[in-house]
Protein backbone atom coordinates (compact mmCIF):
# COMPACT_ATOMS: atom_id res chain seq x y z
CA MET A 1 -9.59 1.06 9.72
CA ALA A 2 -12.99 2.40 10.62
CA ASN A 3 -15.29 3.37 7.77
CA THR A 4 -15.39 7.17 7.86
CA LYS A 5 -17.01 7.83 4.48
CA LYS A 6 -20.17 9.23 6.08
CA VAL A 7 -18.34 11.76 8.29
CA GLU A 8 -18.26 15.12 6.53
CA ASP A 9 -16.08 17.09 8.96
CA LYS A 10 -12.39 16.63 8.14
CA VAL A 11 -11.12 17.12 11.70
CA GLU A 12 -13.70 14.72 13.11
CA ARG A 13 -12.84 12.09 10.50
CA LYS A 14 -9.15 12.46 11.29
CA LYS A 15 -9.85 11.92 14.98
CA LEU A 16 -11.87 8.77 14.28
CA LYS A 17 -9.14 7.36 12.05
CA ARG A 18 -6.43 8.02 14.63
CA THR A 19 -8.33 6.24 17.38
CA ALA A 20 -9.06 3.32 15.05
CA ARG A 21 -5.39 3.09 14.15
CA LYS A 22 -4.40 3.00 17.83
CA LYS A 23 -6.91 0.22 18.56
CA ALA A 24 -5.92 -1.91 15.56
CA ALA A 25 -3.67 -4.92 16.08
CA PRO A 26 -0.07 -4.28 15.04
CA LYS A 27 0.75 -5.41 11.52
CA ALA A 28 3.04 -8.41 11.10
CA LYS A 29 6.55 -7.78 9.85
CA ARG A 30 7.19 -8.60 6.19
CA ALA A 31 8.79 -12.00 5.58
CA ALA A 32 12.57 -11.94 5.15
CA GLY A 33 12.59 -13.15 1.53
CA VAL A 34 10.00 -10.72 0.21
CA ALA A 35 11.47 -7.79 -1.73
CA ARG A 36 9.44 -4.65 -2.06
CA GLY A 37 9.54 -1.64 -4.34
CA SER A 38 13.01 -0.73 -5.53
CA GLN A 39 14.47 -4.02 -4.25
CA LYS A 40 12.39 -6.11 -6.68
CA LYS A 41 14.01 -7.78 -9.67
CA LYS A 42 13.55 -5.63 -12.77
CA VAL A 43 11.98 -7.06 -15.92
CA GLN A 44 13.68 -5.91 -19.10
CA ARG A 45 11.31 -4.66 -21.77
CA MET A 46 11.30 -6.51 -25.05
CA ALA A 47 12.57 -4.62 -28.08
CA GLN A 48 9.81 -2.68 -29.76
CA GLY A 49 9.25 -2.42 -33.46
CA GLN A 50 10.68 -5.01 -35.81
CA ARG A 51 9.71 -8.67 -35.43
CA LYS A 52 12.30 -10.99 -34.04
CA ARG A 53 11.38 -13.95 -36.29
């Protein structure tokens, strides 16, 4: 994406970003085996408080 930090006007910045997004190469699809977000394996939290040993 184009660097639009210097552009103060919101509408102008939006326009620049849109054109940059259109020009950008399409993103590659995510690999089949890669889970994301809610599909990821959950890690159980260890018990808090008393020591286990």
